[in-house]
N, C-alpha and C. Protein backbone atom coordinates (compact mmCIF):
# COMPACT_ATOMS: atom_id res chain seq x y z
N MET A 1 -24.36 1.72 -0.24
CA MET A 1 -23.33 2.73 -0.40
C MET A 1 -22.75 2.63 -1.81
N ARG A 2 -22.52 3.75 -2.45
CA ARG A 2 -22.02 3.79 -3.82
C ARG A 2 -20.54 3.43 -3.89
N PRO A 3 -20.07 2.94 -5.05
CA PRO A 3 -18.67 2.53 -5.19
C PRO A 3 -17.66 3.65 -4.85
N VAL A 4 -17.97 4.88 -5.23
CA VAL A 4 -17.05 6.00 -4.94
C VAL A 4 -16.94 6.19 -3.43
N ALA A 5 -18.05 6.13 -2.73
CA ALA A 5 -18.04 6.30 -1.27
C ALA A 5 -17.30 5.15 -0.60
N ARG A 6 -17.51 3.94 -1.10
CA ARG A 6 -16.80 2.78 -0.53
C ARG A 6 -15.29 2.90 -0.72
N ALA A 7 -14.87 3.26 -1.93
CA ALA A 7 -13.44 3.42 -2.20
C ALA A 7 -12.85 4.51 -1.32
N ALA A 8 -13.57 5.63 -1.17
CA ALA A 8 -13.10 6.73 -0.33
C ALA A 8 -12.97 6.30 1.13
N LEU A 9 -13.94 5.52 1.61
CA LEU A 9 -13.91 5.04 2.99
C LEU A 9 -12.71 4.11 3.21
N VAL A 10 -12.50 3.17 2.29
CA VAL A 10 -11.35 2.25 2.40
C VAL A 10 -10.05 3.04 2.37
N ALA A 11 -9.94 4.01 1.47
CA ALA A 11 -8.73 4.83 1.38
C ALA A 11 -8.50 5.61 2.68
N ALA A 12 -9.55 6.22 3.22
CA ALA A 12 -9.42 7.01 4.45
C ALA A 12 -9.00 6.15 5.63
N VAL A 13 -9.61 4.97 5.77
CA VAL A 13 -9.25 4.07 6.86
C VAL A 13 -7.81 3.59 6.70
N THR A 14 -7.40 3.30 5.48
CA THR A 14 -6.03 2.85 5.21
C THR A 14 -5.02 3.94 5.58
N VAL A 15 -5.26 5.16 5.14
CA VAL A 15 -4.34 6.27 5.46
C VAL A 15 -4.29 6.49 6.97
N ALA A 16 -5.45 6.49 7.62
CA ALA A 16 -5.49 6.73 9.06
C ALA A 16 -4.72 5.64 9.81
N ALA A 17 -4.96 4.39 9.47
CA ALA A 17 -4.25 3.29 10.14
C ALA A 17 -2.75 3.37 9.88
N ASP A 18 -2.38 3.60 8.63
CA ASP A 18 -0.97 3.70 8.27
C ASP A 18 -0.27 4.81 9.04
N GLN A 19 -0.85 6.00 9.03
CA GLN A 19 -0.20 7.14 9.69
C GLN A 19 -0.19 6.97 11.21
N ALA A 20 -1.23 6.38 11.79
CA ALA A 20 -1.27 6.17 13.24
C ALA A 20 -0.18 5.19 13.67
N VAL A 21 -0.03 4.10 12.94
CA VAL A 21 0.97 3.09 13.32
C VAL A 21 2.38 3.66 13.12
N LYS A 22 2.60 4.37 12.02
CA LYS A 22 3.92 4.98 11.79
C LYS A 22 4.26 5.98 12.88
N ALA A 23 3.28 6.79 13.32
CA ALA A 23 3.52 7.76 14.40
C ALA A 23 3.88 7.03 15.69
N LEU A 24 3.18 5.94 15.96
CA LEU A 24 3.47 5.13 17.14
C LEU A 24 4.89 4.58 17.07
N VAL A 25 5.28 4.06 15.92
CA VAL A 25 6.63 3.51 15.75
C VAL A 25 7.67 4.60 15.96
N ARG A 26 7.47 5.76 15.32
CA ARG A 26 8.46 6.85 15.44
C ARG A 26 8.57 7.36 16.86
N SER A 27 7.48 7.27 17.64
CA SER A 27 7.51 7.78 19.01
C SER A 27 8.02 6.75 20.03
N THR A 28 8.06 5.47 19.66
CA THR A 28 8.46 4.45 20.64
C THR A 28 9.75 3.71 20.29
N ILE A 29 10.17 3.75 19.04
CA ILE A 29 11.39 3.04 18.63
C ILE A 29 12.31 4.07 17.97
N GLU A 30 13.52 4.18 18.48
CA GLU A 30 14.49 5.10 17.89
C GLU A 30 14.82 4.67 16.46
N ARG A 31 15.12 5.65 15.61
CA ARG A 31 15.48 5.34 14.23
C ARG A 31 16.70 4.42 14.22
N GLY A 32 16.60 3.33 13.48
CA GLY A 32 17.68 2.35 13.39
C GLY A 32 17.61 1.26 14.44
N GLU A 33 16.76 1.41 15.44
CA GLU A 33 16.62 0.42 16.51
C GLU A 33 15.83 -0.78 16.01
N GLU A 34 16.12 -1.96 16.58
CA GLU A 34 15.39 -3.19 16.26
C GLU A 34 14.84 -3.79 17.54
N VAL A 35 13.60 -4.27 17.48
CA VAL A 35 12.99 -4.94 18.62
C VAL A 35 12.61 -6.34 18.14
N ASP A 36 13.25 -7.37 18.71
CA ASP A 36 12.97 -8.76 18.33
C ASP A 36 11.59 -9.16 18.83
N LEU A 37 10.82 -9.79 17.94
CA LEU A 37 9.51 -10.28 18.32
C LEU A 37 9.55 -11.80 18.46
N ILE A 38 9.41 -12.51 17.34
CA ILE A 38 9.38 -13.96 17.37
C ILE A 38 9.81 -14.49 16.01
N LEU A 39 10.49 -15.61 15.99
CA LEU A 39 10.90 -16.29 14.77
C LEU A 39 11.63 -15.39 13.77
N GLY A 40 12.47 -14.50 14.29
CA GLY A 40 13.25 -13.63 13.43
C GLY A 40 12.52 -12.39 12.96
N ILE A 41 11.25 -12.26 13.31
CA ILE A 41 10.49 -11.06 12.94
C ILE A 41 10.84 -9.95 13.92
N LYS A 42 11.06 -8.73 13.37
CA LYS A 42 11.46 -7.60 14.19
C LYS A 42 10.60 -6.38 13.88
N PHE A 43 10.42 -5.56 14.90
CA PHE A 43 9.93 -4.20 14.68
C PHE A 43 11.17 -3.34 14.54
N VAL A 44 11.18 -2.47 13.56
CA VAL A 44 12.31 -1.58 13.33
C VAL A 44 11.77 -0.18 13.05
N ASN A 45 12.65 0.78 13.03
CA ASN A 45 12.28 2.13 12.64
C ASN A 45 13.32 2.57 11.62
N VAL A 46 12.99 2.38 10.34
CA VAL A 46 13.91 2.74 9.27
C VAL A 46 13.20 3.65 8.27
N ARG A 47 13.99 4.40 7.51
CA ARG A 47 13.43 5.25 6.46
C ARG A 47 13.83 4.67 5.11
N ASN A 48 12.88 4.62 4.21
CA ASN A 48 13.09 4.14 2.85
C ASN A 48 12.90 5.34 1.93
N SER A 49 13.97 5.77 1.28
CA SER A 49 13.85 6.93 0.40
C SER A 49 13.55 6.50 -1.04
N GLY A 50 13.43 5.19 -1.25
CA GLY A 50 13.11 4.68 -2.58
C GLY A 50 11.67 4.22 -2.64
N ILE A 51 11.41 3.33 -3.61
CA ILE A 51 10.08 2.72 -3.68
C ILE A 51 10.20 1.32 -3.11
N ALA A 52 9.38 0.41 -3.54
CA ALA A 52 9.36 -0.95 -2.99
C ALA A 52 10.76 -1.54 -2.91
N PHE A 53 11.08 -2.07 -1.75
CA PHE A 53 12.34 -2.75 -1.49
C PHE A 53 13.54 -1.84 -1.65
N GLY A 54 13.35 -0.53 -1.50
CA GLY A 54 14.45 0.41 -1.56
C GLY A 54 14.93 0.75 -2.96
N MET A 55 14.25 0.24 -3.99
CA MET A 55 14.66 0.56 -5.36
C MET A 55 14.52 2.06 -5.61
N PHE A 56 15.38 2.60 -6.42
CA PHE A 56 15.38 4.03 -6.79
C PHE A 56 15.53 4.91 -5.57
N SER A 57 16.33 4.46 -4.61
CA SER A 57 16.58 5.22 -3.40
C SER A 57 17.12 6.60 -3.76
N GLY A 58 16.62 7.60 -3.09
CA GLY A 58 17.05 8.96 -3.35
C GLY A 58 16.35 9.60 -4.53
N GLY A 59 15.27 9.00 -5.02
CA GLY A 59 14.55 9.52 -6.18
C GLY A 59 13.84 10.83 -5.93
N GLY A 60 13.57 11.16 -4.65
CA GLY A 60 12.99 12.43 -4.25
C GLY A 60 11.76 12.85 -5.02
N VAL A 61 11.83 14.02 -5.63
CA VAL A 61 10.71 14.62 -6.33
C VAL A 61 10.22 13.73 -7.46
N LEU A 62 11.12 13.05 -8.13
CA LEU A 62 10.74 12.16 -9.23
C LEU A 62 9.80 11.06 -8.74
N LEU A 63 10.06 10.51 -7.54
CA LEU A 63 9.17 9.47 -6.99
C LEU A 63 7.81 10.05 -6.64
N VAL A 64 7.77 11.27 -6.14
CA VAL A 64 6.49 11.91 -5.82
C VAL A 64 5.68 12.11 -7.10
N ILE A 65 6.35 12.58 -8.16
CA ILE A 65 5.67 12.78 -9.45
C ILE A 65 5.14 11.45 -9.99
N PHE A 66 5.96 10.40 -9.90
CA PHE A 66 5.54 9.07 -10.34
C PHE A 66 4.31 8.60 -9.54
N ALA A 67 4.34 8.79 -8.23
CA ALA A 67 3.22 8.35 -7.38
C ALA A 67 1.94 9.10 -7.74
N VAL A 68 2.04 10.40 -7.97
CA VAL A 68 0.86 11.19 -8.33
C VAL A 68 0.32 10.75 -9.69
N ALA A 69 1.22 10.48 -10.65
CA ALA A 69 0.78 10.00 -11.97
C ALA A 69 0.10 8.64 -11.86
N ALA A 70 0.65 7.74 -11.04
CA ALA A 70 0.05 6.42 -10.86
C ALA A 70 -1.33 6.54 -10.21
N LEU A 71 -1.47 7.44 -9.24
CA LEU A 71 -2.78 7.66 -8.61
C LEU A 71 -3.78 8.22 -9.62
N ALA A 72 -3.34 9.13 -10.47
CA ALA A 72 -4.23 9.68 -11.50
C ALA A 72 -4.70 8.58 -12.45
N ALA A 73 -3.79 7.71 -12.88
CA ALA A 73 -4.15 6.60 -13.77
C ALA A 73 -5.14 5.66 -13.07
N LEU A 74 -4.92 5.40 -11.80
CA LEU A 74 -5.83 4.54 -11.04
C LEU A 74 -7.23 5.16 -10.96
N LEU A 75 -7.29 6.45 -10.74
CA LEU A 75 -8.59 7.12 -10.67
C LEU A 75 -9.32 7.08 -12.01
N VAL A 76 -8.59 7.26 -13.10
CA VAL A 76 -9.21 7.17 -14.42
C VAL A 76 -9.76 5.76 -14.61
N PHE A 77 -8.96 4.75 -14.27
CA PHE A 77 -9.43 3.37 -14.38
C PHE A 77 -10.70 3.16 -13.54
N PHE A 78 -10.65 3.61 -12.30
CA PHE A 78 -11.78 3.42 -11.40
C PHE A 78 -13.05 4.06 -11.94
N PHE A 79 -12.97 5.30 -12.38
CA PHE A 79 -14.18 6.00 -12.83
C PHE A 79 -14.71 5.45 -14.15
N THR A 80 -13.87 4.78 -14.91
CA THR A 80 -14.36 4.15 -16.14
C THR A 80 -14.85 2.72 -15.91
N HIS A 81 -14.59 2.17 -14.71
CA HIS A 81 -14.99 0.80 -14.40
C HIS A 81 -15.72 0.71 -13.05
N ARG A 82 -16.24 1.81 -12.54
CA ARG A 82 -16.77 1.81 -11.18
C ARG A 82 -17.99 0.90 -10.98
N GLU A 83 -18.65 0.50 -12.03
CA GLU A 83 -19.80 -0.40 -11.89
C GLU A 83 -19.39 -1.86 -11.80
N ARG A 84 -18.12 -2.14 -12.03
CA ARG A 84 -17.62 -3.51 -11.95
C ARG A 84 -17.65 -3.94 -10.48
N PRO A 85 -18.13 -5.15 -10.20
CA PRO A 85 -18.21 -5.60 -8.80
C PRO A 85 -16.85 -5.56 -8.10
N LEU A 86 -16.85 -5.05 -6.90
CA LEU A 86 -15.70 -4.99 -6.01
C LEU A 86 -14.56 -4.07 -6.45
N VAL A 87 -14.67 -3.34 -7.55
CA VAL A 87 -13.55 -2.51 -8.00
C VAL A 87 -13.22 -1.42 -6.98
N TRP A 88 -14.18 -1.06 -6.13
CA TRP A 88 -13.94 -0.06 -5.10
C TRP A 88 -12.92 -0.52 -4.06
N LEU A 89 -12.83 -1.82 -3.80
CA LEU A 89 -11.93 -2.32 -2.76
C LEU A 89 -10.45 -2.16 -3.14
N PRO A 90 -10.00 -2.69 -4.28
CA PRO A 90 -8.59 -2.46 -4.62
C PRO A 90 -8.28 -0.98 -4.86
N THR A 91 -9.25 -0.24 -5.39
CA THR A 91 -9.02 1.19 -5.60
C THR A 91 -8.77 1.89 -4.28
N GLY A 92 -9.60 1.62 -3.29
CA GLY A 92 -9.42 2.23 -1.97
C GLY A 92 -8.11 1.82 -1.32
N LEU A 93 -7.76 0.54 -1.41
CA LEU A 93 -6.50 0.07 -0.83
C LEU A 93 -5.30 0.71 -1.51
N LEU A 94 -5.32 0.76 -2.83
CA LEU A 94 -4.19 1.33 -3.58
C LEU A 94 -4.06 2.83 -3.34
N ILE A 95 -5.18 3.55 -3.36
CA ILE A 95 -5.12 4.99 -3.10
C ILE A 95 -4.68 5.26 -1.66
N GLY A 96 -5.25 4.53 -0.72
CA GLY A 96 -4.87 4.72 0.68
C GLY A 96 -3.41 4.40 0.94
N GLY A 97 -2.93 3.29 0.37
CA GLY A 97 -1.52 2.92 0.56
C GLY A 97 -0.58 3.92 -0.07
N ALA A 98 -0.89 4.31 -1.30
CA ALA A 98 -0.03 5.29 -1.99
C ALA A 98 -0.05 6.63 -1.26
N ALA A 99 -1.22 7.06 -0.81
CA ALA A 99 -1.32 8.33 -0.09
C ALA A 99 -0.57 8.29 1.23
N GLY A 100 -0.67 7.17 1.95
CA GLY A 100 0.05 7.04 3.22
C GLY A 100 1.55 7.18 3.03
N ASN A 101 2.09 6.52 2.02
CA ASN A 101 3.52 6.63 1.77
C ASN A 101 3.89 7.99 1.19
N LEU A 102 3.01 8.58 0.40
CA LEU A 102 3.26 9.90 -0.17
C LEU A 102 3.33 10.96 0.93
N ILE A 103 2.47 10.85 1.93
CA ILE A 103 2.51 11.77 3.07
C ILE A 103 3.89 11.72 3.72
N ASP A 104 4.42 10.52 3.93
CA ASP A 104 5.76 10.38 4.52
C ASP A 104 6.83 11.01 3.64
N ARG A 105 6.75 10.75 2.34
CA ARG A 105 7.76 11.30 1.42
C ARG A 105 7.80 12.82 1.46
N VAL A 106 6.62 13.43 1.47
CA VAL A 106 6.56 14.89 1.48
C VAL A 106 7.00 15.43 2.84
N ARG A 107 6.55 14.80 3.91
CA ARG A 107 6.84 15.30 5.26
C ARG A 107 8.26 14.98 5.72
N GLU A 108 8.76 13.78 5.37
CA GLU A 108 10.03 13.34 5.95
C GLU A 108 11.08 12.93 4.92
N SER A 109 10.80 13.12 3.65
CA SER A 109 11.74 12.75 2.57
C SER A 109 12.04 11.25 2.53
N GLY A 110 11.19 10.46 3.11
CA GLY A 110 11.34 9.01 3.10
C GLY A 110 10.19 8.38 3.85
N VAL A 111 9.95 7.12 3.55
CA VAL A 111 8.83 6.38 4.13
C VAL A 111 9.30 5.63 5.38
N THR A 112 8.50 5.69 6.44
CA THR A 112 8.80 4.94 7.65
C THR A 112 8.37 3.49 7.45
N ASP A 113 9.34 2.57 7.53
CA ASP A 113 9.06 1.14 7.48
C ASP A 113 9.36 0.56 8.85
N PHE A 114 8.59 -0.48 9.27
CA PHE A 114 8.76 -0.96 10.63
C PHE A 114 8.60 -2.46 10.82
N ILE A 115 8.13 -3.19 9.86
CA ILE A 115 8.00 -4.65 10.00
C ILE A 115 9.14 -5.26 9.20
N ASP A 116 9.98 -6.03 9.88
CA ASP A 116 11.14 -6.62 9.22
C ASP A 116 11.08 -8.14 9.37
N LEU A 117 10.80 -8.81 8.26
CA LEU A 117 10.78 -10.27 8.22
C LEU A 117 12.14 -10.79 7.78
N PRO A 118 12.49 -12.01 8.17
CA PRO A 118 13.76 -12.56 7.72
C PRO A 118 13.81 -12.63 6.19
N ALA A 119 14.92 -12.22 5.61
CA ALA A 119 15.17 -12.29 4.17
C ALA A 119 14.15 -11.50 3.36
N TRP A 120 13.62 -10.41 3.93
CA TRP A 120 12.66 -9.57 3.23
C TRP A 120 12.87 -8.13 3.70
N PRO A 121 12.80 -7.17 2.80
CA PRO A 121 12.97 -5.77 3.22
C PRO A 121 11.85 -5.33 4.16
N ALA A 122 12.16 -4.36 5.01
CA ALA A 122 11.17 -3.82 5.94
C ALA A 122 10.03 -3.18 5.15
N PHE A 123 8.83 -3.20 5.75
CA PHE A 123 7.64 -2.62 5.10
C PHE A 123 6.71 -2.04 6.13
N ASN A 124 5.56 -1.51 5.69
CA ASN A 124 4.63 -0.84 6.58
C ASN A 124 3.18 -1.15 6.19
N VAL A 125 2.23 -0.53 6.88
CA VAL A 125 0.81 -0.77 6.62
C VAL A 125 0.44 -0.36 5.20
N ALA A 126 0.95 0.78 4.74
CA ALA A 126 0.65 1.24 3.38
C ALA A 126 1.14 0.23 2.34
N ASP A 127 2.31 -0.34 2.57
CA ASP A 127 2.84 -1.35 1.64
C ASP A 127 1.95 -2.59 1.61
N MET A 128 1.44 -2.98 2.78
CA MET A 128 0.52 -4.12 2.82
C MET A 128 -0.76 -3.81 2.05
N ALA A 129 -1.28 -2.58 2.21
CA ALA A 129 -2.49 -2.19 1.50
C ALA A 129 -2.26 -2.21 -0.01
N ILE A 130 -1.11 -1.72 -0.44
CA ILE A 130 -0.80 -1.72 -1.87
C ILE A 130 -0.70 -3.15 -2.39
N THR A 131 -0.03 -4.02 -1.66
CA THR A 131 0.11 -5.41 -2.07
C THR A 131 -1.26 -6.10 -2.18
N PHE A 132 -2.08 -5.96 -1.14
CA PHE A 132 -3.42 -6.56 -1.18
C PHE A 132 -4.29 -5.88 -2.23
N GLY A 133 -4.08 -4.60 -2.45
CA GLY A 133 -4.82 -3.89 -3.50
C GLY A 133 -4.51 -4.44 -4.88
N VAL A 134 -3.24 -4.70 -5.16
CA VAL A 134 -2.87 -5.26 -6.46
C VAL A 134 -3.46 -6.66 -6.62
N LEU A 135 -3.35 -7.49 -5.58
CA LEU A 135 -3.91 -8.84 -5.65
C LEU A 135 -5.43 -8.81 -5.84
N THR A 136 -6.09 -7.92 -5.13
CA THR A 136 -7.54 -7.80 -5.25
C THR A 136 -7.93 -7.27 -6.62
N LEU A 137 -7.14 -6.33 -7.15
CA LEU A 137 -7.41 -5.80 -8.49
C LEU A 137 -7.29 -6.91 -9.54
N LEU A 138 -6.28 -7.76 -9.40
CA LEU A 138 -6.15 -8.89 -10.33
C LEU A 138 -7.37 -9.80 -10.26
N TYR A 139 -7.86 -10.04 -9.06
CA TYR A 139 -9.07 -10.86 -8.87
C TYR A 139 -10.27 -10.20 -9.54
N VAL A 140 -10.41 -8.89 -9.34
CA VAL A 140 -11.53 -8.16 -9.93
C VAL A 140 -11.45 -8.21 -11.45
N LEU A 141 -10.27 -8.04 -12.00
CA LEU A 141 -10.11 -8.03 -13.45
C LEU A 141 -10.29 -9.40 -14.08
N GLU A 142 -9.80 -10.43 -13.39
CA GLU A 142 -9.88 -11.80 -13.92
C GLU A 142 -11.19 -12.49 -13.58
N GLY A 143 -11.86 -12.02 -12.55
CA GLY A 143 -13.12 -12.62 -12.15
C GLY A 143 -12.92 -13.81 -11.23
N ALA A 144 -13.98 -14.22 -10.63
CA ALA A 144 -13.95 -15.36 -9.71
C ALA A 144 -13.65 -16.64 -10.48
N PRO A 145 -12.98 -17.59 -9.84
CA PRO A 145 -12.75 -18.87 -10.51
C PRO A 145 -14.07 -19.53 -10.90
N ARG A 146 -14.08 -20.12 -12.03
CA ARG A 146 -15.29 -20.78 -12.53
C ARG A 146 -15.14 -22.28 -12.34
N HIS A 147 -15.82 -22.80 -11.35
CA HIS A 147 -15.70 -24.22 -11.01
C HIS A 147 -16.59 -25.09 -11.89
N GLY A 148 -17.65 -24.54 -12.43
CA GLY A 148 -18.59 -25.32 -13.20
C GLY A 148 -18.14 -25.61 -14.62
N ALA A 149 -17.26 -24.79 -15.14
CA ALA A 149 -16.81 -24.97 -16.54
C ALA A 149 -15.68 -25.98 -16.58
N ARG A 150 -15.94 -27.11 -17.22
CA ARG A 150 -14.92 -28.15 -17.32
C ARG A 150 -14.64 -28.41 -18.79
N ARG A 151 -13.42 -28.73 -19.05
CA ARG A 151 -13.05 -29.10 -20.42
C ARG A 151 -13.46 -30.53 -20.72
N ARG A 152 -13.87 -30.74 -21.93
CA ARG A 152 -14.19 -32.11 -22.33
C ARG A 152 -13.01 -32.66 -23.09
N ALA A 153 -12.68 -33.88 -22.81
CA ALA A 153 -11.52 -34.52 -23.46
C ALA A 153 -11.87 -35.05 -24.81
């Protein structure tokens, strides 16, 4: 399978999973409600009108424009580096995560977050995809650790 097809598949699966879980949360947990799970972890139904961790709350159209610009930059990067091993994986995760949250912003003027860890802002599947996408992109850019190369004293 070609890198473009792989990235598209990862993005599609990410968006589908994100939107399905958010729909389930919205249909089973009232907005503002908390359901205790274990060790302080809760399921919640909250709206985030900002970006990560609620920053720039109320940014509205400006956040949508920023997200579209970031996606465009990611696509330019991907198409200029698509032959690089594994670059399709972080690209798919980042596009899928950004698209999942963008769908919420356009449809509901805020992103549905539902996983609440102690001392951490609530987040969702798209946020996890974006986080793993950034980490994977760093790995792709930096390359695998080289165990054979040792410094001589």
